Amino acid sequence: MSCQDDPIPLTDDIVAERAARLAKVAEETCLEHFGEADLEYVIGTEVPVPGGAHETLSELAVTTPDAARATLEAHRHAFEKQGLNAIWPRIIALVVQPGVEFDHTNVIDYQPAKASALSQMVENYETLIFEAHSTDYQTPQSLRQLVIDHFAILKVGPALTFALREALFSLAAIEEELVPAKACSGLRQVLEDVMLDRPEYWQSHYHGDGNARRLARGYSYSDRVRYYWPDSQIDDAFAHLVRNLADSPIPLPLISQYLPLQYVKVRSGELQPTPRELIINHIQDILAQYYTACEGQ
């Protein structure tokens, strides 16, 4: 990513020089405060814009082995200039693009054949693995294959807040079934009102007519709604929702209707059917896919 007055794209040399300066400060600070430095580093020049692609995607270019090698050499040279030769073995990963990404409504799934040359290239570096950004919404099978192919650090973000939003919308739907309209939290409407009143987090991302933008605000994979949950009005509505659903047990048929995976766990006794437990477990289902991919179980 470029800073405000930077050229787009930045060269490998500029990125590497900045990384080396940051690493030097980190090493010096660690030594000053702890007497030793054993930090490990992830480097790279292919860190994408956070939150997924703004445009609709159909395919994605995979980092070439030559580009990966050039990035490594640029960083090696920059670290040498800063006198950081000794920490090079503590550089554990290089950020690359293995061909995974998502836009507002689509996911580009991992295709191992397209990344095979890149995957084989890293085998020449004994202590190095790859970090893959934007692995959100990949299938469990794709996540596992990424790890097998040495893309062993899987970065995830919006998929987790997307799961949070799913759980909250589901609980809001349950609330509307159980609670008189005047006593409902109105979480979804409060959220929509705040997003319309403060559009800075989504306006440049979501396009189309009014209905398309409305759907994107609520359901886009890029999940720009995640920036609004800390808002005091929305937080109050969330607290109201939780209170309403905590007053009495949530009927099992409604959990089955709106949170079917959690329903199975509630029925088996693994999960308590409280609002907070249902929310957390829904998010944990996504995290579990990453744990399984990395553990190979």
Protein backbone atom coordinates (compact mmCIF):
# COMPACT_ATOMS: atom_id res chain seq x y z
CA MET A 1 0.00 0.00 0.00
CA SER A 2 1.17 3.50 -0.81
CA CYS A 3 1.05 6.34 1.68
CA GLN A 4 -0.60 9.67 0.89
CA ASP A 5 2.04 11.22 -1.38
CA ASP A 6 3.66 7.99 -2.58
CA PRO A 7 3.76 6.77 -6.17
CA ILE A 8 1.48 3.85 -7.02
CA PRO A 9 2.73 1.19 -6.98
CA LEU A 10 5.74 1.51 -4.71
CA THR A 11 8.95 -0.14 -5.87
CA ASP A 12 10.35 -3.17 -4.06
CA ASP A 13 13.35 -1.09 -3.03
CA ILE A 14 11.26 1.59 -1.29
CA VAL A 15 9.16 -0.99 0.55
CA ALA A 16 12.24 -2.94 1.59
CA GLU A 17 14.06 0.18 2.79
CA ARG A 18 11.10 1.16 4.96
CA ALA A 19 10.78 -2.37 6.32
CA ALA A 20 14.46 -2.38 7.27
CA ARG A 21 14.13 0.94 9.10
CA LEU A 22 11.14 -0.36 11.03
CA ALA A 23 12.96 -3.58 11.88
CA LYS A 24 15.96 -1.63 13.16
CA VAL A 25 13.78 0.42 15.49
CA ALA A 26 12.00 -2.73 16.66
CA GLU A 27 15.30 -4.47 17.39
CA GLU A 28 16.75 -1.49 19.25
CA THR A 29 13.57 -1.04 21.29
CA CYS A 30 13.44 -4.72 22.18
CA LEU A 31 17.06 -4.69 23.32
CA GLU A 32 16.51 -1.53 25.35
CA HIS A 33 13.48 -2.85 27.21
CA PHE A 34 14.17 -6.58 27.45
CA GLY A 35 17.91 -6.97 27.06
CA GLU A 36 17.56 -9.24 24.05
CA ALA A 37 15.77 -9.34 20.71
CA ASP A 38 14.17 -12.47 19.33
CA LEU A 39 11.45 -10.90 17.20
CA GLU A 40 10.33 -12.69 14.06
CA TYR A 41 9.35 -10.82 10.93
CA VAL A 42 7.03 -11.12 7.96
CA ILE A 43 8.08 -9.07 4.95
CA GLY A 44 6.63 -8.38 1.53
CA THR A 45 5.57 -5.91 -1.11
CA GLU A 46 2.24 -7.46 -2.09
CA VAL A 47 0.12 -6.46 0.89
CA PRO A 48 -3.30 -5.64 -0.62
CA VAL A 49 -5.77 -2.93 0.34
CA PRO A 50 -7.62 -4.08 3.49
CA GLY A 51 -11.12 -5.45 3.18
CA GLY A 52 -11.06 -7.12 -0.21
CA ALA A 53 -11.23 -5.79 -3.74
CA HIS A 54 -13.37 -2.75 -4.53
CA GLU A 55 -14.03 -3.94 -8.07
CA THR A 56 -15.71 -7.09 -9.34
CA LEU A 57 -13.16 -9.85 -9.89
CA SER A 58 -13.14 -12.81 -12.24
CA GLU A 59 -9.52 -13.94 -11.94
CA LEU A 60 -6.34 -12.95 -10.17
CA ALA A 61 -2.64 -12.95 -11.05
CA VAL A 62 -0.48 -15.17 -8.84
CA THR A 63 2.87 -13.83 -7.66
CA THR A 64 5.59 -15.18 -9.93
CA PRO A 65 8.63 -16.96 -8.46
CA ASP A 66 10.87 -14.28 -10.00
CA ALA A 67 8.88 -11.53 -8.30
CA ALA A 68 9.09 -13.32 -4.96
CA ARG A 69 12.84 -13.77 -5.30
CA ALA A 70 13.26 -10.10 -6.26
CA THR A 71 11.33 -9.04 -3.17
CA LEU A 72 13.48 -11.22 -0.94
CA GLU A 73 16.70 -9.88 -2.45
CA ALA A 74 15.53 -6.27 -2.13
CA HIS A 75 14.84 -6.85 1.55
CA ARG A 76 18.11 -8.70 2.10
CA HIS A 77 20.03 -5.78 0.60
CA ALA A 78 18.05 -3.20 2.63
CA PHE A 79 18.60 -5.12 5.86
CA GLU A 80 22.33 -5.35 5.15
CA LYS A 81 22.48 -1.56 4.67
CA GLN A 82 20.93 -1.13 8.12
CA GLY A 83 23.40 -3.57 9.67
CA LEU A 84 20.71 -6.18 10.26
CA ASN A 85 22.38 -9.21 8.67
CA ALA A 86 22.10 -11.16 11.93
CA ILE A 87 18.32 -11.02 12.05
CA TRP A 88 17.77 -12.41 8.55
CA PRO A 89 17.16 -15.96 9.88
CA ARG A 90 14.31 -14.49 11.94
CA ILE A 91 12.44 -13.44 8.83
CA ILE A 92 9.94 -16.27 8.76
CA ALA A 93 7.52 -15.38 5.98
CA LEU A 94 7.02 -13.49 2.74
CA VAL A 95 3.65 -12.03 1.80
CA VAL A 96 2.59 -13.19 -1.66
CA GLN A 97 -0.56 -13.50 -3.75
CA PRO A 98 -1.40 -17.20 -4.27
CA GLY A 99 -4.52 -16.33 -6.27
CA VAL A 100 -7.14 -15.80 -3.57
CA GLU A 101 -9.34 -12.76 -3.10
CA PHE A 102 -12.94 -11.66 -2.68
CA ASP A 103 -15.06 -8.75 -3.81
CA HIS A 104 -18.52 -7.72 -2.65
CA THR A 105 -20.36 -10.82 -3.82
CA ASN A 106 -17.76 -13.26 -5.18
CA VAL A 107 -14.78 -15.29 -3.98
CA ILE A 108 -11.77 -16.22 -6.10
CA ASP A 109 -11.00 -19.73 -4.86
CA TYR A 110 -7.51 -21.11 -4.51
CA GLN A 111 -6.36 -23.09 -7.54
CA PRO A 112 -3.23 -25.06 -6.58
CA ALA A 113 -2.09 -25.63 -10.15
CA LYS A 114 -1.78 -21.89 -10.77
CA ALA A 115 0.39 -21.43 -7.67
CA SER A 116 2.52 -24.56 -8.04
CA ALA A 117 5.65 -22.78 -9.31
CA LEU A 118 5.48 -20.29 -6.47
CA SER A 119 4.88 -23.06 -3.96
CA GLN A 120 7.93 -24.99 -5.17
CA MET A 121 10.13 -21.89 -5.16
CA VAL A 122 9.92 -21.42 -1.39
CA GLU A 123 11.25 -24.93 -0.80
CA ASN A 124 14.69 -23.52 -1.64
CA TYR A 125 14.57 -21.35 1.51
CA GLU A 126 14.96 -23.49 4.61
CA THR A 127 13.37 -21.18 7.19
CA LEU A 128 10.80 -19.38 5.03
CA ILE A 129 7.09 -19.84 4.45
CA PHE A 130 4.50 -17.68 2.69
CA GLU A 131 1.77 -15.52 4.13
CA ALA A 132 -1.47 -15.34 2.14
CA HIS A 133 -3.70 -12.31 2.54
CA SER A 134 -7.44 -12.19 1.87
CA THR A 135 -8.08 -15.85 2.60
CA ASP A 136 -11.53 -14.88 3.88
CA TYR A 137 -14.40 -17.04 2.58
CA GLN A 138 -12.13 -19.74 1.16
CA THR A 139 -13.50 -23.25 1.62
CA PRO A 140 -12.00 -25.42 4.38
CA GLN A 141 -10.48 -27.60 1.67
CA SER A 142 -8.81 -24.60 0.03
CA LEU A 143 -7.46 -23.36 3.36
CA ARG A 144 -5.92 -26.73 4.07
CA GLN A 145 -4.37 -26.91 0.59
CA LEU A 146 -2.90 -23.44 1.01
CA VAL A 147 -1.11 -24.61 4.15
CA ILE A 148 0.11 -27.78 2.44
CA ASP A 149 1.48 -25.63 -0.40
CA HIS A 150 3.54 -23.54 2.07
CA PHE A 151 1.11 -20.59 2.30
CA ALA A 152 1.04 -21.42 5.97
CA ILE A 153 0.16 -18.03 7.48
CA LEU A 154 -3.48 -17.39 6.60
CA LYS A 155 -4.64 -13.83 7.13
CA VAL A 156 -8.34 -13.42 7.87
CA GLY A 157 -10.44 -10.47 8.98
CA PRO A 158 -13.71 -9.59 7.26
CA ALA A 159 -14.89 -13.22 7.31
CA LEU A 160 -14.95 -13.03 11.11
CA THR A 161 -16.82 -9.74 11.32
CA PHE A 162 -19.12 -11.00 8.55
CA ALA A 163 -19.94 -13.94 10.84
CA LEU A 164 -20.58 -11.50 13.69
CA ARG A 165 -23.00 -9.60 11.46
CA GLU A 166 -24.72 -12.84 10.41
CA ALA A 167 -25.25 -13.82 14.04
CA LEU A 168 -26.58 -10.40 15.02
CA PHE A 169 -28.97 -10.24 12.07
CA SER A 170 -30.20 -13.73 12.97
CA LEU A 171 -30.80 -12.75 16.58
CA ALA A 172 -32.56 -9.58 15.43
CA ALA A 173 -34.90 -11.74 13.32
CA ILE A 174 -35.55 -13.99 16.33
CA GLU A 175 -36.24 -10.91 18.45
CA GLU A 176 -38.86 -9.71 15.97
CA GLU A 177 -40.65 -13.05 16.30
CA LEU A 178 -40.67 -12.96 20.09
CA VAL A 179 -40.85 -9.34 21.21
CA PRO A 180 -43.60 -6.77 20.55
CA ALA A 181 -42.54 -4.26 17.91
CA LYS A 182 -42.49 -1.32 20.32
CA ALA A 183 -40.10 -3.16 22.63
CA CYS A 184 -37.70 -4.40 19.93
CA SER A 185 -34.16 -3.10 19.71
CA GLY A 186 -34.52 -2.16 16.05
CA LEU A 187 -30.86 -3.09 15.62
CA ARG A 188 -30.96 -3.40 11.85
CA GLN A 189 -32.74 -0.08 11.34
CA VAL A 190 -30.45 1.69 13.79
CA LEU A 191 -27.47 0.28 11.91
CA GLU A 192 -28.86 1.40 8.56
CA ASP A 193 -29.63 4.88 9.88
CA VAL A 194 -26.13 5.34 11.27
CA MET A 195 -24.51 4.09 8.06
CA LEU A 196 -26.57 6.52 6.01
CA ASP A 197 -25.80 9.37 8.40
CA ARG A 198 -22.06 8.59 8.36
CA PRO A 199 -21.29 7.09 4.93
CA GLU A 200 -17.53 7.63 4.99
CA TYR A 201 -16.71 3.96 5.61
CA TRP A 202 -18.76 2.53 2.73
CA GLN A 203 -19.60 5.25 0.19
CA SER A 204 -16.47 4.85 -1.94
CA HIS A 205 -16.77 1.04 -1.85
CA TYR A 206 -20.40 0.35 -2.74
CA HIS A 207 -21.86 1.37 -6.09
CA GLY A 208 -25.03 0.90 -8.11
CA ASP A 209 -28.59 2.04 -7.50
CA GLY A 210 -30.13 2.58 -4.10
CA ASN A 211 -31.20 -1.02 -3.65
CA ALA A 212 -27.78 -2.39 -4.64
CA ARG A 213 -26.07 -0.12 -2.13
CA ARG A 214 -28.58 -1.05 0.57
CA LEU A 215 -27.87 -4.75 0.03
CA ALA A 216 -24.12 -4.11 0.03
CA ARG A 217 -24.29 -2.19 3.30
CA GLY A 218 -25.86 -5.19 4.96
CA TYR A 219 -24.41 -8.18 3.17
CA SER A 220 -21.24 -7.41 1.18
CA TYR A 221 -18.31 -9.77 1.70
CA SER A 222 -16.15 -6.69 2.24
CA ASP A 223 -18.25 -6.08 5.36
CA ARG A 224 -17.81 -2.34 5.69
CA VAL A 225 -20.43 -2.53 8.43
CA ARG A 226 -17.64 -3.71 10.74
CA TYR A 227 -16.51 -0.12 11.19
CA TYR A 228 -19.86 0.85 12.69
CA TRP A 229 -20.30 -1.62 15.55
CA PRO A 230 -18.45 0.63 18.07
CA ASP A 231 -20.93 3.48 17.43
CA SER A 232 -22.77 4.30 20.66
CA GLN A 233 -26.25 4.17 19.09
CA ILE A 234 -25.55 0.77 17.56
CA ASP A 235 -23.95 -0.50 20.74
CA ASP A 236 -27.03 0.56 22.70
CA ALA A 237 -29.27 -1.28 20.23
CA PHE A 238 -27.08 -4.37 20.55
CA ALA A 239 -27.33 -4.26 24.35
CA HIS A 240 -31.11 -3.87 24.03
CA LEU A 241 -31.25 -6.90 21.72
CA VAL A 242 -29.26 -9.04 24.14
CA ARG A 243 -31.45 -8.01 27.07
CA ASN A 244 -34.61 -8.84 25.17
CA LEU A 245 -33.39 -12.32 24.27
CA ALA A 246 -31.85 -13.04 27.66
CA ASP A 247 -35.10 -12.48 29.56
CA SER A 248 -36.41 -15.94 28.68
CA PRO A 249 -35.06 -19.01 26.83
CA ILE A 250 -34.96 -18.68 23.06
CA PRO A 251 -37.29 -21.31 21.57
CA LEU A 252 -35.32 -24.08 19.91
CA PRO A 253 -37.31 -23.96 16.64
CA LEU A 254 -36.22 -20.33 16.17
CA ILE A 255 -32.58 -21.20 16.79
CA SER A 256 -32.98 -24.00 14.23
CA GLN A 257 -34.48 -21.55 11.74
CA TYR A 258 -31.93 -18.75 12.04
CA LEU A 259 -28.77 -20.37 13.45
CA PRO A 260 -28.97 -24.00 12.33
CA LEU A 261 -25.35 -24.91 13.06
CA GLN A 262 -25.64 -23.58 16.58
CA TYR A 263 -28.95 -25.42 16.99
CA VAL A 264 -27.19 -28.76 16.53
CA LYS A 265 -24.74 -27.86 19.30
CA VAL A 266 -27.50 -26.64 21.60
CA ARG A 267 -29.41 -29.89 21.12
CA SER A 268 -26.31 -31.96 21.88
CA GLY A 269 -25.60 -29.99 25.04
CA GLU A 270 -22.36 -28.46 23.71
CA LEU A 271 -23.67 -24.90 23.65
CA GLN A 272 -25.82 -22.75 25.90
CA PRO A 273 -28.59 -20.98 23.92
CA THR A 274 -27.84 -17.50 25.25
CA PRO A 275 -27.38 -14.56 22.85
CA ARG A 276 -23.70 -14.07 23.59
CA GLU A 277 -22.85 -17.77 23.40
CA LEU A 278 -24.67 -18.09 20.08
CA ILE A 279 -22.81 -15.10 18.64
CA ILE A 280 -19.39 -16.23 19.81
CA ASN A 281 -19.92 -19.79 18.63
CA HIS A 282 -20.99 -18.65 15.18
CA ILE A 283 -17.71 -16.75 14.85
CA GLN A 284 -15.75 -19.68 16.27
CA ASP A 285 -17.10 -21.86 13.47
CA ILE A 286 -15.08 -19.73 11.03
CA LEU A 287 -11.99 -19.71 13.22
CA ALA A 288 -12.22 -23.49 13.50
CA GLN A 289 -11.74 -23.80 9.75
CA TYR A 290 -8.40 -22.01 10.07
CA TYR A 291 -7.35 -24.05 13.07
CA THR A 292 -8.13 -27.26 11.21
CA ALA A 293 -6.29 -26.06 8.10
CA CYS A 294 -3.16 -25.31 10.10
CA GLU A 295 -3.32 -28.38 12.32
CA GLY A 296 -4.24 -30.77 9.53
CA GLN A 297 -6.94 -32.48 11.56
